C-alpha atoms as a PDB file:
ATOM      1  CA  MET A   1     -38.797   7.541   9.486  1.00  0.00           C
ATOM      2  CA  THR A   2     -35.629   8.130   7.509  1.00  0.00           C
ATOM      3  CA  THR A   3     -32.145   8.835   8.690  1.00  0.00           C
ATOM      4  CA  ASP A   4     -29.770  10.866   6.604  1.00  0.00           C
ATOM      5  CA  PHE A   5     -26.539   9.004   6.008  1.00  0.00           C
ATOM      6  CA  VAL A   6     -23.475  11.148   5.505  1.00  0.00           C
ATOM      7  CA  ALA A   7     -20.895   9.522   3.253  1.00  0.00           C
ATOM      8  CA  TYR A   8     -17.298   9.454   4.465  1.00  0.00           C
ATOM      9  CA  ASP A   9     -16.125  11.797   1.701  1.00  0.00           C
ATOM     10  CA  ASP A  10     -18.844  14.302   2.627  1.00  0.00           C
ATOM     11  CA  LEU A  11     -17.735  14.615   6.249  1.00  0.00           C
ATOM     12  CA  PRO A  12     -15.827  17.781   7.161  1.00  0.00           C
ATOM     13  CA  ARG A  13     -12.103  17.239   7.735  1.00  0.00           C
ATOM     14  CA  ALA A  14     -10.966  16.575  11.274  1.00  0.00           C
ATOM     15  CA  ASP A  15      -8.752  19.319  12.646  1.00  0.00           C
ATOM     16  CA  GLU A  16      -5.992  19.013  15.220  1.00  0.00           C
ATOM     17  CA  GLU A  17      -8.106  20.350  18.088  1.00  0.00           C
ATOM     18  CA  SER A  18     -10.902  17.826  17.445  1.00  0.00           C
ATOM     19  CA  LEU A  19      -8.489  14.900  17.220  1.00  0.00           C
ATOM     20  CA  ARG A  20      -6.535  15.850  20.334  1.00  0.00           C
ATOM     21  CA  ALA A  21      -9.734  16.439  22.325  1.00  0.00           C
ATOM     22  CA  ARG A  22     -10.744  12.805  21.771  1.00  0.00           C
ATOM     23  CA  ALA A  23      -7.247  11.310  21.690  1.00  0.00           C
ATOM     24  CA  SER A  24      -7.889   8.754  24.442  1.00  0.00           C
ATOM     25  CA  GLU A  25     -10.919   7.372  22.585  1.00  0.00           C
ATOM     26  CA  LEU A  26      -9.015   7.251  19.308  1.00  0.00           C
ATOM     27  CA  ILE A  27      -6.047   5.512  20.927  1.00  0.00           C
ATOM     28  CA  ALA A  28      -8.324   2.888  22.505  1.00  0.00           C
ATOM     29  CA  LEU A  29     -10.106   2.329  19.190  1.00  0.00           C
ATOM     30  CA  ALA A  30      -6.784   1.982  17.375  1.00  0.00           C
ATOM     31  CA  GLU A  31      -5.375  -0.459  19.916  1.00  0.00           C
ATOM     32  CA  GLY A  32      -8.430  -2.678  19.466  1.00  0.00           C
ATOM     33  CA  LEU A  33      -7.570  -2.925  15.768  1.00  0.00           C
ATOM     34  CA  GLY A  34      -3.854  -3.573  16.295  1.00  0.00           C
ATOM     35  CA  LEU A  35      -2.654  -0.020  15.669  1.00  0.00           C
ATOM     36  CA  THR A  36      -0.434   2.060  17.918  1.00  0.00           C
ATOM     37  CA  ASN A  37       1.676   5.235  18.018  1.00  0.00           C
ATOM     38  CA  LEU A  38      -0.999   7.604  16.673  1.00  0.00           C
ATOM     39  CA  ARG A  39       0.459  10.874  15.395  1.00  0.00           C
ATOM     40  CA  TYR A  40      -1.235  13.981  14.060  1.00  0.00           C
ATOM     41  CA  ALA A  41       0.186  15.071  10.688  1.00  0.00           C
ATOM     42  CA  SER A  42      -2.162  17.757   9.344  1.00  0.00           C
ATOM     43  CA  SER A  43      -5.806  18.413   8.593  1.00  0.00           C
ATOM     44  CA  ASN A  44      -7.548  15.026   8.919  1.00  0.00           C
ATOM     45  CA  ARG A  45      -4.288  13.010   8.584  1.00  0.00           C
ATOM     46  CA  ILE A  46      -3.034  10.555  11.217  1.00  0.00           C
ATOM     47  CA  VAL A  47       0.044   8.338  10.985  1.00  0.00           C
ATOM     48  CA  VAL A  48      -0.060   4.976  12.802  1.00  0.00           C
ATOM     49  CA  THR A  49       2.198   2.011  13.445  1.00  0.00           C
ATOM     50  CA  LEU A  50       0.829  -1.437  12.630  1.00  0.00           C
ATOM     51  CA  THR A  51       1.486  -4.017  15.346  1.00  0.00           C
ATOM     52  CA  GLU A  52       1.988  -7.716  14.749  1.00  0.00           C
ATOM     53  CA  HIS A  53      -1.643  -8.153  15.832  1.00  0.00           C
ATOM     54  CA  VAL A  54      -3.165  -5.716  13.340  1.00  0.00           C
ATOM     55  CA  GLU A  55      -6.538  -6.749  11.963  1.00  0.00           C
ATOM     56  CA  THR A  56      -6.926  -7.204   8.231  1.00  0.00           C
ATOM     57  CA  LEU A  57      -7.448  -3.722   6.800  1.00  0.00           C
ATOM     58  CA  GLY A  58      -7.097  -2.353  10.330  1.00  0.00           C
ATOM     59  CA  GLU A  59      -5.990   1.113   9.287  1.00  0.00           C
ATOM     60  CA  TYR A  60      -8.971   1.443   6.926  1.00  0.00           C
ATOM     61  CA  ARG A  61     -11.392   0.208   9.558  1.00  0.00           C
ATOM     62  CA  PHE A  62      -9.876   2.678  12.016  1.00  0.00           C
ATOM     63  CA  ALA A  63     -10.312   5.560   9.553  1.00  0.00           C
ATOM     64  CA  GLU A  64     -13.968   4.663   9.074  1.00  0.00           C
ATOM     65  CA  LYS A  65     -14.747   4.112  12.763  1.00  0.00           C
ATOM     66  CA  ALA A  66     -12.852   7.221  13.880  1.00  0.00           C
ATOM     67  CA  SER A  67     -14.570   9.331  11.235  1.00  0.00           C
ATOM     68  CA  TYR A  68     -18.042   8.294  12.295  1.00  0.00           C
ATOM     69  CA  LEU A  69     -17.160   8.548  15.998  1.00  0.00           C
ATOM     70  CA  LEU A  70     -16.074  12.159  15.517  1.00  0.00           C
ATOM     71  CA  GLY A  71     -18.435  13.075  12.694  1.00  0.00           C
ATOM     72  CA  LEU A  72     -15.302  14.286  10.913  1.00  0.00           C
ATOM     73  CA  GLN A  73     -13.224  12.792   8.117  1.00  0.00           C
ATOM     74  CA  VAL A  74     -10.029  11.082   9.300  1.00  0.00           C
ATOM     75  CA  ARG A  75      -7.404   9.679   6.934  1.00  0.00           C
ATOM     76  CA  VAL A  76      -4.900   7.136   8.247  1.00  0.00           C
ATOM     77  CA  TYR A  77      -1.411   6.403   6.971  1.00  0.00           C
ATOM     78  CA  ASP A  78       0.717   3.407   7.937  1.00  0.00           C
ATOM     79  CA  ASP A  79       4.135   4.716   8.939  1.00  0.00           C
ATOM     80  CA  ALA A  80       5.636   2.542   6.202  1.00  0.00           C
ATOM     81  CA  VAL A  81       4.762   5.426   3.842  1.00  0.00           C
ATOM     82  CA  LEU A  82       7.457   7.472   5.564  1.00  0.00           C
ATOM     83  CA  ARG A  83      10.059   5.460   3.645  1.00  0.00           C
ATOM     84  CA  ASN A  84       8.644   6.494   0.267  1.00  0.00           C
ATOM     85  CA  PRO A  85      10.611   9.040  -1.751  1.00  0.00           C
ATOM     86  CA  GLY A  86       8.803  12.357  -1.913  1.00  0.00           C
ATOM     87  CA  VAL A  87       6.635  11.644   1.122  1.00  0.00           C
ATOM     88  CA  SER A  88       4.654  14.662   2.268  1.00  0.00           C
ATOM     89  CA  PRO A  89       6.539  16.694   4.910  1.00  0.00           C
ATOM     90  CA  ASP A  90       3.493  16.789   7.204  1.00  0.00           C
ATOM     91  CA  LEU A  91       3.579  13.000   7.524  1.00  0.00           C
ATOM     92  CA  LEU A  92       7.271  13.113   8.445  1.00  0.00           C
ATOM     93  CA  ALA A  93       6.661  15.822  11.060  1.00  0.00           C
ATOM     94  CA  ALA A  94       3.625  14.134  12.675  1.00  0.00           C
ATOM     95  CA  THR A  95       3.409  14.555  16.463  1.00  0.00           C
ATOM     96  CA  PRO A  96       1.929  12.114  19.016  1.00  0.00           C
ATOM     97  CA  LEU A  97      -1.764  12.535  19.828  1.00  0.00           C
END
């Protein structure tokens, strides 16, 4: 018996409706990894705040776990990127999940 494995990059992008529908699960998952303040930016993009208790590579682990939980590709950005010059406007305008 074989199981098809779908690679992260082959998953369809998460849309706002899908992310908001499972927001409580995503928030709980994020909190377990030391992430908080989840905000929807645009297609498959979430901005998070790292807490002082963030796990090593927590935002990457969250992206992977959230993607496979939803069956949709989720990309995660630490809100430190908001200080970068030329940051994408969708990241700046992100709204709470």
